[in-house]
Structures are given as C-alpha cells and as structure tokens.
C-alpha cells in the first residue's frame, strides 16, 4: 500500500523550489492526529553519507516547521530533495522551506 500512497501523492498538488519539491494532499484512511511525511533522496545525489545528511537536515527543518508554522496534519507530505541541498547553508535552506510550508494552506 505504501507504493500506492506515493503514487497518489505524486498526482496531487506540489510546491517546488531550488532545494526540494514538496508534494502534498489528503490521503484516504490516514490518521489526522500525527504528521505523515516522507523524505526521498535519489541515489544520483551522492553516497549514503550525503543522502543521510540531507535527510537529517530535512527532519530538523520539519520539526521546527511543526512548532513555528503549524503544518496541516490532515495532509500527507512527500519531500523530494535536490542535489543543491548539499552545497548551501542550513539557515538559507530552512528559511526557504519554512516559507514554502507557510504557502501550503
């Protein structure tokens, strides 16, 4: 069912910037009380160490977004990272992503 959920999310709304692409939408039979978010880093980006670094950064940013922006818990999110995340400062990426999460209404 996980694969089906990914395919459904890819058909729904998306917001893109130079660091990530965020697909979001409502999925049927999902629990609205907790955040449903997935992070994807492609193998093309680099080795496992680099990909995990990107995922750690994304997790950290989303934790702050939950506190500051009040993410919608009735949406499911799919965050696909781009290679530009590796070479840029964490603070710049964080500001860009928080602005994008604010746009999701």
N, C-alpha and C. Protein backbone atom coordinates (compact mmCIF):
# COMPACT_ATOMS: atom_id res chain seq x y z
N UNK A 1 0.83 -1.19 0.00
CA UNK A 1 0.00 0.00 0.00
C UNK A 1 0.87 1.26 0.00
N UNK A 2 2.09 1.16 0.50
CA UNK A 2 2.98 2.32 0.56
C UNK A 2 3.22 2.88 -0.85
N UNK A 3 3.47 2.00 -1.79
CA UNK A 3 3.72 2.42 -3.17
C UNK A 3 2.50 3.14 -3.74
N UNK A 4 1.33 2.63 -3.44
CA UNK A 4 0.09 3.26 -3.90
C UNK A 4 -0.05 4.67 -3.32
N UNK A 5 0.30 4.82 -2.05
CA UNK A 5 0.20 6.13 -1.40
C UNK A 5 1.15 7.12 -2.06
N UNK A 6 2.37 6.68 -2.38
CA UNK A 6 3.31 7.56 -3.07
C UNK A 6 2.75 7.98 -4.42
N UNK A 7 2.20 7.04 -5.15
CA UNK A 7 1.66 7.36 -6.47
C UNK A 7 0.50 8.34 -6.37
N UNK A 8 -0.36 8.16 -5.37
CA UNK A 8 -1.47 9.10 -5.17
C UNK A 8 -0.97 10.50 -4.84
N UNK A 9 0.05 10.59 -3.99
CA UNK A 9 0.58 11.90 -3.62
C UNK A 9 1.22 12.59 -4.81
N UNK A 10 1.88 11.83 -5.67
CA UNK A 10 2.54 12.42 -6.83
C UNK A 10 1.55 13.03 -7.81
N UNK A 11 0.29 12.58 -7.76
CA UNK A 11 -0.74 13.13 -8.65
C UNK A 11 -1.35 14.40 -8.08
N UNK A 12 -1.11 14.68 -6.79
CA UNK A 12 -1.76 15.83 -6.14
C UNK A 12 -0.91 17.07 -6.24
N UNK A 13 -1.20 18.07 -5.40
CA UNK A 13 -0.54 19.38 -5.51
C UNK A 13 0.94 19.30 -5.17
N UNK A 14 1.71 20.27 -5.75
CA UNK A 14 3.12 20.32 -5.42
C UNK A 14 3.61 21.76 -5.38
N UNK A 15 4.64 21.95 -4.56
CA UNK A 15 5.36 23.22 -4.47
C UNK A 15 6.83 22.88 -4.66
N UNK A 16 7.52 23.70 -5.47
CA UNK A 16 8.90 23.39 -5.77
C UNK A 16 9.78 24.62 -5.54
N UNK A 17 10.98 24.40 -5.06
CA UNK A 17 11.99 25.45 -5.01
C UNK A 17 13.32 24.84 -5.42
N UNK A 18 14.42 25.58 -5.25
CA UNK A 18 15.68 25.03 -5.76
C UNK A 18 16.29 23.96 -4.87
N UNK A 19 15.72 23.73 -3.68
CA UNK A 19 16.25 22.71 -2.79
C UNK A 19 15.42 21.44 -2.76
N UNK A 20 14.10 21.58 -2.77
CA UNK A 20 13.23 20.40 -2.68
C UNK A 20 11.97 20.60 -3.52
N UNK A 21 11.29 19.50 -3.75
CA UNK A 21 9.94 19.51 -4.29
C UNK A 21 9.05 18.87 -3.25
N UNK A 22 7.97 19.57 -2.89
CA UNK A 22 7.06 19.07 -1.86
C UNK A 22 5.73 18.71 -2.52
N UNK A 23 5.39 17.44 -2.48
CA UNK A 23 4.07 17.00 -2.92
C UNK A 23 3.21 16.88 -1.68
N UNK A 24 1.96 17.34 -1.75
CA UNK A 24 1.10 17.25 -0.59
C UNK A 24 -0.34 17.08 -1.02
N UNK A 25 -1.12 16.47 -0.14
CA UNK A 25 -2.53 16.26 -0.40
C UNK A 25 -3.11 15.35 0.65
N UNK A 26 -4.42 15.18 0.55
CA UNK A 26 -5.10 14.30 1.51
C UNK A 26 -5.09 12.88 0.99
N UNK A 27 -4.77 11.96 1.89
CA UNK A 27 -4.85 10.55 1.56
C UNK A 27 -5.99 9.94 2.36
N UNK A 28 -6.74 9.08 1.73
CA UNK A 28 -7.81 8.39 2.44
C UNK A 28 -7.20 7.47 3.50
N UNK A 29 -8.00 7.13 4.49
CA UNK A 29 -7.62 6.25 5.60
C UNK A 29 -6.25 6.58 6.22
N UNK A 30 -6.03 7.88 6.49
CA UNK A 30 -4.82 8.30 7.20
C UNK A 30 -5.21 8.93 8.52
N UNK A 31 -4.37 8.74 9.53
CA UNK A 31 -4.62 9.27 10.86
C UNK A 31 -4.28 10.76 10.89
N UNK A 32 -5.26 11.62 11.22
CA UNK A 32 -5.04 13.06 11.21
C UNK A 32 -4.36 13.58 12.48
N UNK A 33 -4.16 12.72 13.46
CA UNK A 33 -3.60 13.20 14.72
C UNK A 33 -2.08 13.30 14.68
N UNK A 34 -1.43 12.61 13.72
CA UNK A 34 0.02 12.71 13.64
C UNK A 34 0.46 13.07 12.23
N UNK A 35 1.65 13.64 12.14
CA UNK A 35 2.19 14.12 10.87
C UNK A 35 2.61 12.94 10.00
N UNK A 36 2.19 12.94 8.75
CA UNK A 36 2.54 11.88 7.81
C UNK A 36 3.44 12.51 6.74
N UNK A 37 4.76 12.31 6.87
CA UNK A 37 5.71 12.94 5.95
C UNK A 37 6.79 11.94 5.57
N UNK A 38 7.20 11.99 4.30
CA UNK A 38 8.26 11.10 3.81
C UNK A 38 9.34 11.93 3.14
N UNK A 39 10.59 11.53 3.33
CA UNK A 39 11.71 12.20 2.69
C UNK A 39 12.35 11.26 1.70
N UNK A 40 12.63 11.78 0.49
CA UNK A 40 13.24 10.97 -0.55
C UNK A 40 14.49 11.68 -1.05
N UNK A 41 15.61 10.96 -1.06
CA UNK A 41 16.83 11.47 -1.69
C UNK A 41 17.26 10.43 -2.71
N UNK A 42 17.47 10.87 -3.93
CA UNK A 42 17.82 9.94 -5.00
C UNK A 42 19.29 9.54 -4.91
N UNK A 43 19.59 8.37 -5.43
CA UNK A 43 20.97 7.88 -5.40
C UNK A 43 21.90 8.74 -6.24
N UNK A 44 21.33 9.46 -7.19
CA UNK A 44 22.12 10.32 -8.06
C UNK A 44 22.81 11.45 -7.27
N UNK A 45 22.23 11.81 -6.12
CA UNK A 45 22.74 12.93 -5.32
C UNK A 45 24.12 12.62 -4.75
N UNK A 46 24.34 11.39 -4.31
CA UNK A 46 25.65 11.06 -3.75
C UNK A 46 25.59 9.76 -2.98
N UNK A 47 26.65 9.53 -2.20
CA UNK A 47 26.70 8.28 -1.44
C UNK A 47 25.78 8.35 -0.23
N UNK A 48 25.73 7.27 0.53
CA UNK A 48 24.79 7.16 1.65
C UNK A 48 25.01 8.25 2.69
N UNK A 49 26.25 8.62 2.93
CA UNK A 49 26.56 9.63 3.94
C UNK A 49 25.91 10.97 3.55
N UNK A 50 26.06 11.34 2.28
CA UNK A 50 25.49 12.61 1.81
C UNK A 50 23.97 12.58 1.84
N UNK A 51 23.40 11.46 1.40
CA UNK A 51 21.93 11.34 1.39
C UNK A 51 21.38 11.41 2.81
N UNK A 52 22.04 10.75 3.77
CA UNK A 52 21.57 10.78 5.15
C UNK A 52 21.72 12.16 5.76
N UNK A 53 22.76 12.89 5.36
CA UNK A 53 22.94 14.26 5.85
C UNK A 53 21.75 15.12 5.40
N UNK A 54 21.35 14.96 4.15
CA UNK A 54 20.20 15.72 3.63
C UNK A 54 18.94 15.36 4.41
N UNK A 55 18.72 14.07 4.64
CA UNK A 55 17.52 13.63 5.37
C UNK A 55 17.52 14.16 6.80
N UNK A 56 18.70 14.18 7.45
CA UNK A 56 18.79 14.73 8.81
C UNK A 56 18.42 16.20 8.81
N UNK A 57 18.94 16.95 7.83
CA UNK A 57 18.62 18.37 7.73
C UNK A 57 17.12 18.57 7.54
N UNK A 58 16.52 17.78 6.65
CA UNK A 58 15.09 17.91 6.37
C UNK A 58 14.26 17.60 7.62
N UNK A 59 14.62 16.54 8.33
CA UNK A 59 13.90 16.18 9.55
C UNK A 59 13.94 17.31 10.56
N UNK A 60 15.12 17.92 10.70
CA UNK A 60 15.30 19.01 11.64
C UNK A 60 14.44 20.21 11.25
N UNK A 61 14.42 20.53 9.97
CA UNK A 61 13.63 21.67 9.48
C UNK A 61 12.14 21.41 9.70
N UNK A 62 11.69 20.20 9.44
CA UNK A 62 10.27 19.88 9.61
C UNK A 62 9.87 19.94 11.07
N UNK A 63 10.76 19.50 11.98
CA UNK A 63 10.47 19.62 13.41
C UNK A 63 10.26 21.07 13.81
N UNK A 64 11.07 21.96 13.26
CA UNK A 64 10.89 23.39 13.55
C UNK A 64 9.64 23.93 12.89
N UNK A 65 9.33 23.43 11.69
CA UNK A 65 8.14 23.89 10.97
C UNK A 65 6.87 23.52 11.74
N UNK A 66 6.87 22.36 12.37
CA UNK A 66 5.70 21.94 13.16
C UNK A 66 5.47 22.92 14.30
N UNK A 67 6.56 23.39 14.93
CA UNK A 67 6.43 24.33 16.04
C UNK A 67 6.04 25.72 15.57
N UNK A 68 6.68 26.21 14.49
CA UNK A 68 6.51 27.61 14.09
C UNK A 68 5.35 27.83 13.13
N UNK A 69 5.22 26.99 12.10
CA UNK A 69 4.29 27.25 11.00
C UNK A 69 2.94 26.59 11.22
N UNK A 70 2.87 25.62 12.11
CA UNK A 70 1.68 24.79 12.31
C UNK A 70 1.26 24.10 11.02
N UNK A 71 2.01 23.08 10.67
CA UNK A 71 1.74 22.27 9.47
C UNK A 71 0.37 21.61 9.59
N UNK A 72 -0.29 21.45 8.47
CA UNK A 72 -1.59 20.78 8.47
C UNK A 72 -1.38 19.27 8.65
N UNK A 73 -1.95 18.73 9.70
CA UNK A 73 -1.78 17.30 9.96
C UNK A 73 -2.73 16.45 9.14
N UNK A 74 -3.74 17.08 8.51
CA UNK A 74 -4.65 16.27 7.68
C UNK A 74 -4.08 16.05 6.28
N UNK A 75 -2.96 16.68 5.96
CA UNK A 75 -2.28 16.43 4.69
C UNK A 75 -1.18 15.39 4.89
N UNK A 76 -0.84 14.71 3.80
CA UNK A 76 0.34 13.87 3.76
C UNK A 76 1.37 14.58 2.89
N UNK A 77 2.62 14.50 3.27
CA UNK A 77 3.67 15.22 2.56
C UNK A 77 4.71 14.25 2.02
N UNK A 78 5.23 14.57 0.84
CA UNK A 78 6.34 13.83 0.25
C UNK A 78 7.38 14.86 -0.16
N UNK A 79 8.53 14.84 0.49
CA UNK A 79 9.58 15.83 0.24
C UNK A 79 10.71 15.15 -0.54
N UNK A 80 10.92 15.60 -1.78
CA UNK A 80 11.98 15.03 -2.61
C UNK A 80 13.12 16.04 -2.68
N UNK A 81 14.29 15.64 -2.18
CA UNK A 81 15.43 16.54 -2.10
C UNK A 81 16.14 16.66 -3.44
N UNK A 82 16.75 17.82 -3.65
CA UNK A 82 17.57 18.04 -4.84
C UNK A 82 19.03 18.16 -4.42
N UNK A 83 19.94 18.00 -5.37
CA UNK A 83 21.38 17.99 -5.08
C UNK A 83 21.87 19.32 -4.53
N UNK A 84 21.15 20.41 -4.79
CA UNK A 84 21.59 21.73 -4.32
C UNK A 84 21.56 21.85 -2.80
N UNK A 85 20.90 20.92 -2.12
CA UNK A 85 20.83 20.98 -0.65
C UNK A 85 22.19 20.76 0.00
N UNK A 86 23.08 20.05 -0.68
CA UNK A 86 24.37 19.72 -0.08
C UNK A 86 25.28 20.93 0.06
N UNK A 87 25.28 21.81 -0.94
CA UNK A 87 26.30 22.86 -1.00
C UNK A 87 25.86 24.16 -0.35
N UNK A 88 24.65 24.25 0.17
CA UNK A 88 24.16 25.51 0.70
C UNK A 88 24.07 25.49 2.22
N UNK A 89 24.03 26.69 2.80
CA UNK A 89 23.96 26.82 4.25
C UNK A 89 22.60 26.37 4.77
N UNK A 90 22.62 25.76 5.94
CA UNK A 90 21.41 25.23 6.56
C UNK A 90 20.37 26.33 6.80
N UNK A 91 20.82 27.51 7.24
CA UNK A 91 19.87 28.59 7.57
C UNK A 91 19.11 29.06 6.34
N UNK A 92 19.79 29.15 5.21
CA UNK A 92 19.13 29.59 3.97
C UNK A 92 18.09 28.56 3.54
N UNK A 93 18.47 27.29 3.58
CA UNK A 93 17.54 26.22 3.21
C UNK A 93 16.33 26.24 4.13
N UNK A 94 16.58 26.43 5.43
CA UNK A 94 15.49 26.43 6.42
C UNK A 94 14.50 27.56 6.14
N UNK A 95 15.01 28.76 5.87
CA UNK A 95 14.12 29.89 5.59
C UNK A 95 13.26 29.62 4.36
N UNK A 96 13.89 29.09 3.31
CA UNK A 96 13.16 28.80 2.07
C UNK A 96 12.06 27.77 2.32
N UNK A 97 12.39 26.70 3.03
CA UNK A 97 11.41 25.64 3.28
C UNK A 97 10.28 26.11 4.20
N UNK A 98 10.61 26.89 5.23
CA UNK A 98 9.56 27.39 6.11
C UNK A 98 8.60 28.28 5.34
N UNK A 99 9.12 29.09 4.43
CA UNK A 99 8.27 29.94 3.59
C UNK A 99 7.35 29.07 2.73
N UNK A 100 7.88 27.98 2.19
CA UNK A 100 7.06 27.08 1.37
C UNK A 100 5.98 26.40 2.20
N UNK A 101 6.33 25.95 3.42
CA UNK A 101 5.33 25.30 4.25
C UNK A 101 4.23 26.28 4.66
N UNK A 102 4.58 27.56 4.78
CA UNK A 102 3.55 28.56 5.08
C UNK A 102 2.58 28.73 3.92
N UNK A 103 3.10 28.56 2.68
CA UNK A 103 2.24 28.70 1.49
C UNK A 103 1.20 27.58 1.37
N UNK A 104 1.49 26.43 1.98
CA UNK A 104 0.56 25.30 1.90
C UNK A 104 -0.62 25.57 2.84
N UNK A 105 -1.76 25.85 2.27
CA UNK A 105 -2.97 26.11 3.08
C UNK A 105 -4.12 25.29 2.55
